[in-house]
Amino acid sequence: MQRLVFWLAYPLLWFVSILPFKLFYMVSDVVYVLVYHVVRYRRKTVTSNLELVFPEKSSEEINKTRKKFYKHMVDMFLEMIKSISISNEELKKRFTFTNLEELQKIRKMNKSIILACGHYASYEWMNALQLYGLDYKGFGIYKKVKNRYFDKLAKDIRGRYDGVLISTSKATKTITENQEKGILGVYAMIADQSPKLSRTRAWAKFMGIGVPVFTGTEKLSRSLDMAVVYLHVEKVKRGYYVATFKPLTCQPKQEPEYEITRQYFSLLEAQIKKAPEYYLWTHKRWKHRNASIPHDAVVIKPD
């Protein structure tokens, strides 16, 4: 059944991916109408999240942000499909980096990098980083797709840019083995999801609301002495993004405990407050806000 679903869907995905950009975004406009007005995909969740995080905004402002978000979300989803066929030259033109020298400085230290990302702007086209001839192997940590054929497609797309996807369940083991073998890598990790309460050991304020947070990025960087860099991505116009590297630390063991995690959320918050329409509001990020904080949990104080 998985194979049948894939081969029924793939021809359509491929066709959409090869459309000229002008027509491509016309398709996105049509899909937006279906997703927002007809299907009403997760409208309640998005509205609830926006009202929770921005209690000072009026209903009119919330609705305006919500519409902008859905338009962006559909664009981003289709841009993921566009990755099937987009040329290297086109990708480099549409997803640019302002300060690659920051990674080159860390390379001279002979250290691997954890690229701390958020569900913000575009995290699908960051594959473009592999096109700049950096002396690093590129890796992306991801949640494995249940359909193994679509999972392979995701890996093949990443492989076009000499990158490798690592499932979350194998991330720590694979990164540790690479470090032991002397393989220097840039590991892109999205760390703003909501962790399971049973595994939560740290809480922090995210957009002013106390929630459990992942601290794996910090723990991994400390144990393997890896540099941590925040990827600040901005959408400059439709289909165009600019990314800036913001080093959090090159000496993680010397940082105060949980300082890396605190900095990560601080930078992500600043982006969300500036342009909230580019954050992924469909996730139930604040669903555990009313849960009791375990007595042995760490509460990370804001700056």
C-alpha atoms as a PDB file:
ATOM      1  CA  MET A   1       0.000   0.000   0.000  1.00  0.00           C
ATOM      2  CA  GLN A   2       2.843   2.401   0.828  1.00  0.00           C
ATOM      3  CA  ARG A   3       4.326   1.870  -2.623  1.00  0.00           C
ATOM      4  CA  LEU A   4       0.947   2.433  -4.308  1.00  0.00           C
ATOM      5  CA  VAL A   5       0.365   5.691  -2.412  1.00  0.00           C
ATOM      6  CA  PHE A   6       3.838   6.897  -3.322  1.00  0.00           C
ATOM      7  CA  TRP A   7       3.585   6.123  -7.030  1.00  0.00           C
ATOM      8  CA  LEU A   8       0.147   7.705  -7.238  1.00  0.00           C
ATOM      9  CA  ALA A   9       1.391  10.878  -5.570  1.00  0.00           C
ATOM     10  CA  TYR A  10       4.896  11.185  -6.991  1.00  0.00           C
ATOM     11  CA  PRO A  11       3.951  12.109 -10.604  1.00  0.00           C
ATOM     12  CA  LEU A  12       1.910  15.050  -9.278  1.00  0.00           C
ATOM     13  CA  LEU A  13       4.732  16.125  -6.961  1.00  0.00           C
ATOM     14  CA  TRP A  14       7.236  15.945  -9.797  1.00  0.00           C
ATOM     15  CA  PHE A  15       4.956  17.926 -12.120  1.00  0.00           C
ATOM     16  CA  VAL A  16       4.502  20.668  -9.515  1.00  0.00           C
ATOM     17  CA  SER A  17       8.251  20.755  -8.888  1.00  0.00           C
ATOM     18  CA  ILE A  18       9.114  21.500 -12.532  1.00  0.00           C
ATOM     19  CA  LEU A  19       6.646  24.358 -12.947  1.00  0.00           C
ATOM     20  CA  PRO A  20       8.175  27.800 -13.641  1.00  0.00           C
ATOM     21  CA  PHE A  21       8.192  29.818 -10.430  1.00  0.00           C
ATOM     22  CA  LYS A  22       5.487  32.239 -11.561  1.00  0.00           C
ATOM     23  CA  LEU A  23       3.093  29.368 -12.263  1.00  0.00           C
ATOM     24  CA  PHE A  24       4.392  27.470  -9.234  1.00  0.00           C
ATOM     25  CA  TYR A  25       3.291  30.233  -6.871  1.00  0.00           C
ATOM     26  CA  MET A  26      -0.046  30.538  -8.659  1.00  0.00           C
ATOM     27  CA  VAL A  27      -0.588  26.894  -7.702  1.00  0.00           C
ATOM     28  CA  SER A  28       0.390  27.816  -4.145  1.00  0.00           C
ATOM     29  CA  ASP A  29      -2.288  30.526  -4.116  1.00  0.00           C
ATOM     30  CA  VAL A  30      -4.918  27.971  -5.107  1.00  0.00           C
ATOM     31  CA  VAL A  31      -3.720  25.478  -2.495  1.00  0.00           C
ATOM     32  CA  TYR A  32      -3.854  28.233   0.134  1.00  0.00           C
ATOM     33  CA  VAL A  33      -7.554  28.825  -0.586  1.00  0.00           C
ATOM     34  CA  LEU A  34      -8.239  25.106  -0.194  1.00  0.00           C
ATOM     35  CA  VAL A  35      -6.177  24.714   2.980  1.00  0.00           C
ATOM     36  CA  TYR A  36      -7.360  27.886   4.704  1.00  0.00           C
ATOM     37  CA  HIS A  37     -10.961  28.343   3.570  1.00  0.00           C
ATOM     38  CA  VAL A  38     -12.126  24.841   2.607  1.00  0.00           C
ATOM     39  CA  VAL A  39     -10.209  22.271   4.664  1.00  0.00           C
ATOM     40  CA  ARG A  40      -9.504  24.804   7.438  1.00  0.00           C
ATOM     41  CA  TYR A  41      -6.403  22.830   8.353  1.00  0.00           C
ATOM     42  CA  ARG A  42      -5.690  23.211  12.090  1.00  0.00           C
ATOM     43  CA  ARG A  43      -7.353  26.622  12.164  1.00  0.00           C
ATOM     44  CA  LYS A  44      -8.374  26.207  15.817  1.00  0.00           C
ATOM     45  CA  THR A  45      -4.848  25.284  16.889  1.00  0.00           C
ATOM     46  CA  VAL A  46      -3.285  28.187  15.007  1.00  0.00           C
ATOM     47  CA  THR A  47      -5.809  30.682  16.368  1.00  0.00           C
ATOM     48  CA  SER A  48      -5.424  29.360  19.906  1.00  0.00           C
ATOM     49  CA  ASN A  49      -1.623  29.601  19.718  1.00  0.00           C
ATOM     50  CA  LEU A  50      -1.675  33.149  18.386  1.00  0.00           C
ATOM     51  CA  GLU A  51      -4.180  34.320  20.993  1.00  0.00           C
ATOM     52  CA  LEU A  52      -2.150  32.669  23.739  1.00  0.00           C
ATOM     53  CA  VAL A  53       1.171  34.163  22.696  1.00  0.00           C
ATOM     54  CA  PHE A  54      -0.153  37.592  21.689  1.00  0.00           C
ATOM     55  CA  PRO A  55      -2.933  38.412  24.193  1.00  0.00           C
ATOM     56  CA  GLU A  56      -2.469  42.116  23.464  1.00  0.00           C
ATOM     57  CA  LYS A  57      -3.470  41.727  19.804  1.00  0.00           C
ATOM     58  CA  SER A  58      -7.032  42.340  18.630  1.00  0.00           C
ATOM     59  CA  SER A  59      -9.080  39.700  16.799  1.00  0.00           C
ATOM     60  CA  GLU A  60      -8.482  41.611  13.585  1.00  0.00           C
ATOM     61  CA  GLU A  61      -4.713  41.527  14.104  1.00  0.00           C
ATOM     62  CA  ILE A  62      -4.805  37.816  14.959  1.00  0.00           C
ATOM     63  CA  ASN A  63      -6.791  37.031  11.807  1.00  0.00           C
ATOM     64  CA  LYS A  64      -4.406  39.077   9.678  1.00  0.00           C
ATOM     65  CA  THR A  65      -1.379  37.242  11.061  1.00  0.00           C
ATOM     66  CA  ARG A  66      -3.144  33.904  10.675  1.00  0.00           C
ATOM     67  CA  LYS A  67      -3.848  34.484   6.985  1.00  0.00           C
ATOM     68  CA  LYS A  68      -0.265  35.572   6.343  1.00  0.00           C
ATOM     69  CA  PHE A  69       0.966  32.475   8.148  1.00  0.00           C
ATOM     70  CA  TYR A  70      -1.136  30.093   6.061  1.00  0.00           C
ATOM     71  CA  LYS A  71       0.055  31.688   2.831  1.00  0.00           C
ATOM     72  CA  HIS A  72       3.642  31.287   3.969  1.00  0.00           C
ATOM     73  CA  MET A  73       3.103  27.729   5.208  1.00  0.00           C
ATOM     74  CA  VAL A  74       1.679  26.603   1.862  1.00  0.00           C
ATOM     75  CA  ASP A  75       4.545  28.313   0.030  1.00  0.00           C
ATOM     76  CA  MET A  76       7.053  26.522   2.244  1.00  0.00           C
ATOM     77  CA  PHE A  77       5.382  23.150   1.762  1.00  0.00           C
ATOM     78  CA  LEU A  78       5.427  23.541  -2.009  1.00  0.00           C
ATOM     79  CA  GLU A  79       9.024  24.776  -1.880  1.00  0.00           C
ATOM     80  CA  MET A  80       9.869  21.466  -0.252  1.00  0.00           C
ATOM     81  CA  ILE A  81       8.361  19.767  -3.311  1.00  0.00           C
ATOM     82  CA  LYS A  82      10.298  22.158  -5.555  1.00  0.00           C
ATOM     83  CA  SER A  83      13.465  20.676  -4.048  1.00  0.00           C
ATOM     84  CA  ILE A  84      12.881  17.570  -6.167  1.00  0.00           C
ATOM     85  CA  SER A  85      14.037  19.365  -9.312  1.00  0.00           C
ATOM     86  CA  ILE A  86      15.368  22.837  -8.458  1.00  0.00           C
ATOM     87  CA  SER A  87      18.831  23.502  -9.878  1.00  0.00           C
ATOM     88  CA  ASN A  88      21.803  24.254  -7.651  1.00  0.00           C
ATOM     89  CA  GLU A  89      22.143  27.711  -9.194  1.00  0.00           C
ATOM     90  CA  GLU A  90      18.495  28.566  -8.561  1.00  0.00           C
ATOM     91  CA  LEU A  91      18.646  27.323  -4.980  1.00  0.00           C
ATOM     92  CA  LYS A  92      21.760  29.383  -4.231  1.00  0.00           C
ATOM     93  CA  LYS A  93      20.013  32.439  -5.650  1.00  0.00           C
ATOM     94  CA  ARG A  94      16.926  31.949  -3.521  1.00  0.00           C
ATOM     95  CA  PHE A  95      18.527  30.886  -0.225  1.00  0.00           C
ATOM     96  CA  THR A  96      21.641  32.915   0.520  1.00  0.00           C
ATOM     97  CA  PHE A  97      24.022  33.169   3.472  1.00  0.00           C
ATOM     98  CA  THR A  98      25.452  36.461   4.687  1.00  0.00           C
ATOM     99  CA  ASN A  99      28.456  35.321   6.726  1.00  0.00           C
ATOM    100  CA  LEU A 100      29.863  31.931   5.754  1.00  0.00           C
ATOM    101  CA  GLU A 101      33.166  33.065   7.230  1.00  0.00           C
ATOM    102  CA  GLU A 102      31.751  32.291  10.688  1.00  0.00           C
ATOM    103  CA  LEU A 103      31.688  28.595   9.828  1.00  0.00           C
ATOM    104  CA  GLN A 104      35.139  28.813   8.283  1.00  0.00           C
ATOM    105  CA  LYS A 105      36.492  30.243  11.541  1.00  0.00           C
ATOM    106  CA  ILE A 106      35.097  27.270  13.438  1.00  0.00           C
ATOM    107  CA  ARG A 107      36.505  24.882  10.827  1.00  0.00           C
ATOM    108  CA  LYS A 108      39.980  26.197  11.630  1.00  0.00           C
ATOM    109  CA  MET A 109      39.353  25.122  15.229  1.00  0.00           C
ATOM    110  CA  ASN A 110      38.809  21.580  13.909  1.00  0.00           C
ATOM    111  CA  LYS A 111      35.340  21.395  15.443  1.00  0.00           C
ATOM    112  CA  SER A 112      31.996  20.100  14.270  1.00  0.00           C
ATOM    113  CA  ILE A 113      28.952  22.367  14.450  1.00  0.00           C
ATOM    114  CA  ILE A 114      25.425  21.968  15.718  1.00  0.00           C
ATOM    115  CA  LEU A 115      23.296  24.310  13.624  1.00  0.00           C
ATOM    116  CA  ALA A 116      20.417  25.208  15.930  1.00  0.00           C
ATOM    117  CA  CYS A 117      17.325  25.981  13.841  1.00  0.00           C
ATOM    118  CA  GLY A 118      13.710  26.815  14.557  1.00  0.00           C
ATOM    119  CA  HIS A 119      10.459  26.163  12.728  1.00  0.00           C
ATOM    120  CA  TYR A 120      10.796  29.606  11.240  1.00  0.00           C
ATOM    121  CA  ALA A 121      10.840  31.076   7.692  1.00  0.00           C
ATOM    122  CA  SER A 122      12.413  28.200   5.740  1.00  0.00           C
ATOM    123  CA  TYR A 123      14.170  25.128   7.008  1.00  0.00           C
ATOM    124  CA  GLU A 124      13.684  23.137   3.788  1.00  0.00           C
ATOM    125  CA  TRP A 125      16.083  25.051   1.562  1.00  0.00           C
ATOM    126  CA  MET A 126      18.969  25.218   4.024  1.00  0.00           C
ATOM    127  CA  ASN A 127      20.378  22.384   1.903  1.00  0.00           C
ATOM    128  CA  ALA A 128      21.905  25.222  -0.100  1.00  0.00           C
ATOM    129  CA  LEU A 129      24.674  25.370   2.498  1.00  0.00           C
ATOM    130  CA  GLN A 130      26.258  22.292   0.916  1.00  0.00           C
ATOM    131  CA  LEU A 131      26.705  24.169  -2.360  1.00  0.00           C
ATOM    132  CA  TYR A 132      29.327  26.564  -1.019  1.00  0.00           C
ATOM    133  CA  GLY A 133      32.283  24.198  -0.870  1.00  0.00           C
ATOM    134  CA  LEU A 134      32.661  24.193   2.900  1.00  0.00           C
ATOM    135  CA  ASP A 135      35.005  21.573   4.284  1.00  0.00           C
ATOM    136  CA  TYR A 136      32.204  20.012   6.296  1.00  0.00           C
ATOM    137  CA  LYS A 137      29.868  17.094   5.773  1.00  0.00           C
ATOM    138  CA  GLY A 138      26.234  18.200   6.020  1.00  0.00           C
ATOM    139  CA  PHE A 139      23.704  16.333   8.162  1.00  0.00           C
ATOM    140  CA  GLY A 140      20.071  16.972   8.998  1.00  0.00           C
ATOM    141  CA  ILE A 141      18.345  15.485  12.033  1.00  0.00           C
ATOM    142  CA  TYR A 142      14.756  14.596  11.158  1.00  0.00           C
ATOM    143  CA  LYS A 143      11.750  12.579  12.217  1.00  0.00           C
ATOM    144  CA  LYS A 144      11.514   9.527  10.009  1.00  0.00           C
ATOM    145  CA  VAL A 145       8.577   9.474   7.574  1.00  0.00           C
ATOM    146  CA  LYS A 146       6.258   6.504   8.153  1.00  0.00           C
ATOM    147  CA  ASN A 147       5.927   5.786   4.429  1.00  0.00           C
ATOM    148  CA  ARG A 148       9.348   4.347   3.586  1.00  0.00           C
ATOM    149  CA  TYR A 149       9.135   5.475  -0.043  1.00  0.00           C
ATOM    150  CA  PHE A 150       8.547   9.100   0.913  1.00  0.00           C
ATOM    151  CA  ASP A 151      11.270   8.701   3.522  1.00  0.00           C
ATOM    152  CA  LYS A 152      13.658   7.593   0.791  1.00  0.00           C
ATOM    153  CA  LEU A 153      12.570  10.555  -1.354  1.00  0.00           C
ATOM    154  CA  ALA A 154      13.437  12.931   1.490  1.00  0.00           C
ATOM    155  CA  LYS A 155      16.870  11.316   1.795  1.00  0.00           C
ATOM    156  CA  ASP A 156      17.414  11.422  -1.970  1.00  0.00           C
ATOM    157  CA  ILE A 157      16.603  15.139  -2.070  1.00  0.00           C
ATOM    158  CA  ARG A 158      19.110  15.786   0.691  1.00  0.00           C
ATOM    159  CA  GLY A 159      21.600  13.564  -1.131  1.00  0.00           C
ATOM    160  CA  ARG A 160      21.441  15.818  -4.192  1.00  0.00           C
ATOM    161  CA  TYR A 161      23.429  18.317  -2.158  1.00  0.00           C
ATOM    162  CA  ASP A 162      25.803  15.759  -0.641  1.00  0.00           C
ATOM    163  CA  GLY A 163      23.875  15.866   2.619  1.00  0.00           C
ATOM    164  CA  VAL A 164      22.708  13.043   4.870  1.00  0.00           C
ATOM    165  CA  LEU A 165      19.531  12.730   6.928  1.00  0.00           C
ATOM    166  CA  ILE A 166      19.762  11.090  10.350  1.00  0.00           C
ATOM    167  CA  SER A 167      16.625   9.989  12.181  1.00  0.00           C
ATOM    168  CA  THR A 168      16.163  11.419  15.669  1.00  0.00           C
ATOM    169  CA  SER A 169      16.416   7.942  17.183  1.00  0.00           C
ATOM    170  CA  LYS A 170      19.911   7.458  15.741  1.00  0.00           C
ATOM    171  CA  ALA A 171      21.220  11.012  16.032  1.00  0.00           C
ATOM    172  CA  THR A 172      23.281  10.753  19.223  1.00  0.00           C
ATOM    173  CA  LYS A 173      24.863   7.448  18.225  1.00  0.00           C
ATOM    174  CA  THR A 174      25.685   8.584  14.677  1.00  0.00           C
ATOM    175  CA  ILE A 175      27.112  11.951  15.719  1.00  0.00           C
ATOM    176  CA  THR A 176      29.229  10.311  18.423  1.00  0.00           C
ATOM    177  CA  GLU A 177      30.599   7.771  15.939  1.00  0.00           C
ATOM    178  CA  ASN A 178      31.389  10.524  13.424  1.00  0.00           C
ATOM    179  CA  GLN A 179      33.247  12.483  16.087  1.00  0.00           C
ATOM    180  CA  GLU A 180      35.256   9.418  17.059  1.00  0.00           C
ATOM    181  CA  LYS A 181      36.159   8.855  13.395  1.00  0.00           C
ATOM    182  CA  GLY A 182      37.226  12.470  12.962  1.00  0.00           C
ATOM    183  CA  ILE A 183      34.407  13.280  10.523  1.00  0.00           C
ATOM    184  CA  LEU A 184      33.700  16.993  10.847  1.00  0.00           C
ATOM    185  CA  GLY A 185      30.064  17.827  10.234  1.00  0.00           C
ATOM    186  CA  VAL A 186      27.436  20.534  10.367  1.00  0.00           C
ATOM    187  CA  TYR A 187      24.371  19.027  12.034  1.00  0.00           C
ATOM    188  CA  ALA A 188      21.121  20.933  11.477  1.00  0.00           C
ATOM    189  CA  MET A 189      18.730  20.434  14.381  1.00  0.00           C
ATOM    190  CA  ILE A 190      15.304  21.942  14.987  1.00  0.00           C
ATOM    191  CA  ALA A 191      14.907  22.177  18.750  1.00  0.00           C
ATOM    192  CA  ASP A 192      11.681  24.068  19.453  1.00  0.00           C
ATOM    193  CA  GLN A 193       9.287  21.115  19.468  1.00  0.00           C
ATOM    194  CA  SER A 194       7.292  20.110  22.526  1.00  0.00           C
ATOM    195  CA  PRO A 195       8.968  17.140  24.247  1.00  0.00           C
ATOM    196  CA  LYS A 196       7.086  14.315  25.923  1.00  0.00           C
ATOM    197  CA  LEU A 197       6.381  15.087  29.560  1.00  0.00           C
ATOM    198  CA  SER A 198       7.771  11.722  30.641  1.00  0.00           C
ATOM    199  CA  ARG A 199      11.171  12.691  29.219  1.00  0.00           C
ATOM    200  CA  THR A 200      11.172  16.316  30.272  1.00  0.00           C
ATOM    201  CA  ARG A 201      13.886  17.492  32.640  1.00  0.00           C
ATOM    202  CA  ALA A 202      13.974  21.202  31.814  1.00  0.00           C
ATOM    203  CA  TRP A 203      11.418  24.005  31.615  1.00  0.00           C
ATOM    204  CA  ALA A 204      11.771  27.498  30.216  1.00  0.00           C
ATOM    205  CA  LYS A 205       9.718  30.510  29.197  1.00  0.00           C
ATOM    206  CA  PHE A 206       8.985  30.426  25.467  1.00  0.00           C
ATOM    207  CA  MET A 207       7.146  33.519  24.264  1.00  0.00           C
ATOM    208  CA  GLY A 208       6.490  34.313  27.914  1.00  0.00           C
ATOM    209  CA  ILE A 209       4.872  30.951  28.681  1.00  0.00           C
ATOM    210  CA  GLY A 210       6.491  28.244  30.806  1.00  0.00           C
ATOM    211  CA  VAL A 211       6.812  24.978  28.874  1.00  0.00           C
ATOM    212  CA  PRO A 212       9.059  21.903  28.821  1.00  0.00           C
ATOM    213  CA  VAL A 213      11.956  22.250  26.388  1.00  0.00           C
ATOM    214  CA  PHE A 214      14.495  20.041  24.671  1.00  0.00           C
ATOM    215  CA  THR A 215      18.074  20.390  25.908  1.00  0.00           C
ATOM    216  CA  GLY A 216      19.634  17.771  23.638  1.00  0.00           C
ATOM    217  CA  THR A 217      21.514  20.355  21.586  1.00  0.00           C
ATOM    218  CA  GLU A 218      23.259  21.661  24.680  1.00  0.00           C
ATOM    219  CA  LYS A 219      23.993  18.234  26.158  1.00  0.00           C
ATOM    220  CA  LEU A 220      25.395  16.935  22.883  1.00  0.00           C
ATOM    221  CA  SER A 221      27.577  19.983  22.330  1.00  0.00           C
ATOM    222  CA  ARG A 222      29.013  19.688  25.837  1.00  0.00           C
ATOM    223  CA  SER A 223      29.693  15.957  25.709  1.00  0.00           C
ATOM    224  CA  LEU A 224      31.312  16.060  22.248  1.00  0.00           C
ATOM    225  CA  ASP A 225      32.813  19.580  22.426  1.00  0.00           C
ATOM    226  CA  MET A 226      30.921  20.859  19.382  1.00  0.00           C
ATOM    227  CA  ALA A 227      30.352  24.496  18.466  1.00  0.00           C
ATOM    228  CA  VAL A 228      26.742  25.703  18.460  1.00  0.00           C
ATOM    229  CA  VAL A 229      25.502  28.218  15.895  1.00  0.00           C
ATOM    230  CA  TYR A 230      21.995  29.640  15.604  1.00  0.00           C
ATOM    231  CA  LEU A 231      20.661  29.855  12.044  1.00  0.00           C
ATOM    232  CA  HIS A 232      18.787  33.147  11.709  1.00  0.00           C
ATOM    233  CA  VAL A 233      16.640  32.866   8.558  1.00  0.00           C
ATOM    234  CA  GLU A 234      14.616  35.768   7.195  1.00  0.00           C
ATOM    235  CA  LYS A 235      12.104  35.753   4.351  1.00  0.00           C
ATOM    236  CA  VAL A 236      12.935  38.815   2.273  1.00  0.00           C
ATOM    237  CA  LYS A 237      10.199  38.229  -0.304  1.00  0.00           C
ATOM    238  CA  ARG A 238       8.224  35.365  -1.746  1.00  0.00           C
ATOM    239  CA  GLY A 239      10.583  32.513  -2.582  1.00  0.00           C
ATOM    240  CA  TYR A 240      13.708  34.275  -1.297  1.00  0.00           C
ATOM    241  CA  TYR A 241      15.459  33.805   2.035  1.00  0.00           C
ATOM    242  CA  VAL A 242      18.592  35.143   3.691  1.00  0.00           C
ATOM    243  CA  ALA A 243      20.348  33.251   6.479  1.00  0.00           C
ATOM    244  CA  THR A 244      22.830  34.580   9.002  1.00  0.00           C
ATOM    245  CA  PHE A 245      24.980  32.460  11.303  1.00  0.00           C
ATOM    246  CA  LYS A 246      24.955  33.582  14.939  1.00  0.00           C
ATOM    247  CA  PRO A 247      27.547  31.659  16.974  1.00  0.00           C
ATOM    248  CA  LEU A 248      26.300  30.791  20.455  1.00  0.00           C
ATOM    249  CA  THR A 249      29.507  29.166  21.627  1.00  0.00           C
ATOM    250  CA  CYS A 250      32.674  27.481  20.424  1.00  0.00           C
ATOM    251  CA  GLN A 251      33.556  26.355  23.959  1.00  0.00           C
ATOM    252  CA  PRO A 252      30.356  24.705  25.238  1.00  0.00           C
ATOM    253  CA  LYS A 253      31.977  23.212  28.331  1.00  0.00           C
ATOM    254  CA  GLN A 254      32.872  26.690  29.535  1.00  0.00           C
ATOM    255  CA  GLU A 255      29.318  28.024  29.281  1.00  0.00           C
ATOM    256  CA  PRO A 256      27.040  28.233  32.337  1.00  0.00           C
ATOM    257  CA  GLU A 257      24.644  25.315  32.458  1.00  0.00           C
ATOM    258  CA  TYR A 258      21.635  25.779  30.133  1.00  0.00           C
ATOM    259  CA  GLU A 259      23.024  29.052  28.771  1.00  0.00           C
ATOM    260  CA  ILE A 260      23.074  27.624  25.226  1.00  0.00           C
ATOM    261  CA  THR A 261      19.417  26.614  25.495  1.00  0.00           C
ATOM    262  CA  ARG A 262      18.478  30.018  26.903  1.00  0.00           C
ATOM    263  CA  GLN A 263      20.254  31.852  24.074  1.00  0.00           C
ATOM    264  CA  TYR A 264      18.608  29.653  21.457  1.00  0.00           C
ATOM    265  CA  PHE A 265      15.082  30.427  22.641  1.00  0.00           C
ATOM    266  CA  SER A 266      15.902  34.103  23.118  1.00  0.00           C
ATOM    267  CA  LEU A 267      17.005  34.461  19.486  1.00  0.00           C
ATOM    268  CA  LEU A 268      14.039  32.485  18.170  1.00  0.00           C
ATOM    269  CA  GLU A 269      11.609  34.553  20.239  1.00  0.00           C
ATOM    270  CA  ALA A 270      13.026  37.782  18.846  1.00  0.00           C
ATOM    271  CA  GLN A 271      12.366  36.569  15.303  1.00  0.00           C
ATOM    272  CA  ILE A 272       8.832  35.458  16.096  1.00  0.00           C
ATOM    273  CA  LYS A 273       7.957  38.775  17.728  1.00  0.00           C
ATOM    274  CA  LYS A 274       9.316  40.701  14.754  1.00  0.00           C
ATOM    275  CA  ALA A 275       7.444  38.716  12.073  1.00  0.00           C
ATOM    276  CA  PRO A 276       5.129  36.098  13.639  1.00  0.00           C
ATOM    277  CA  GLU A 277       3.625  35.001  10.332  1.00  0.00           C
ATOM    278  CA  TYR A 278       6.746  32.995   9.510  1.00  0.00           C
ATOM    279  CA  TYR A 279       6.630  30.708  12.551  1.00  0.00           C
ATOM    280  CA  LEU A 280       4.988  27.269  12.354  1.00  0.00           C
ATOM    281  CA  TRP A 281       1.833  27.800  14.414  1.00  0.00           C
ATOM    282  CA  THR A 282       0.157  24.486  13.535  1.00  0.00           C
ATOM    283  CA  HIS A 283       2.142  22.629  16.215  1.00  0.00           C
ATOM    284  CA  LYS A 284       0.713  22.388  19.724  1.00  0.00           C
ATOM    285  CA  ARG A 285       3.880  23.872  21.165  1.00  0.00           C
ATOM    286  CA  TRP A 286       2.317  25.114  24.403  1.00  0.00           C
ATOM    287  CA  LYS A 287       0.102  22.104  25.155  1.00  0.00           C
ATOM    288  CA  HIS A 288       1.952  21.289  28.408  1.00  0.00           C
ATOM    289  CA  ARG A 289       1.896  24.830  29.790  1.00  0.00           C
ATOM    290  CA  ASN A 290      -0.435  23.865  32.644  1.00  0.00           C
ATOM    291  CA  ALA A 291       1.390  20.672  33.572  1.00  0.00           C
ATOM    292  CA  SER A 292       3.008  20.405  36.985  1.00  0.00           C
ATOM    293  CA  ILE A 293       6.753  20.925  36.947  1.00  0.00           C
ATOM    294  CA  PRO A 294       8.473  17.854  38.464  1.00  0.00           C
ATOM    295  CA  HIS A 295      10.415  18.532  41.653  1.00  0.00           C
ATOM    296  CA  ASP A 296      13.649  17.373  40.016  1.00  0.00           C
ATOM    297  CA  ALA A 297      13.197  19.478  36.855  1.00  0.00           C
ATOM    298  CA  VAL A 298      15.412  22.441  36.000  1.00  0.00           C
ATOM    299  CA  VAL A 299      13.736  25.796  35.384  1.00  0.00           C
ATOM    300  CA  ILE A 300      15.812  27.879  32.982  1.00  0.00           C
ATOM    301  CA  LYS A 301      15.593  31.536  33.904  1.00  0.00           C
ATOM    302  CA  PRO A 302      15.290  34.153  31.130  1.00  0.00           C
ATOM    303  CA  ASP A 303      18.099  36.623  30.569  1.00  0.00           C
END
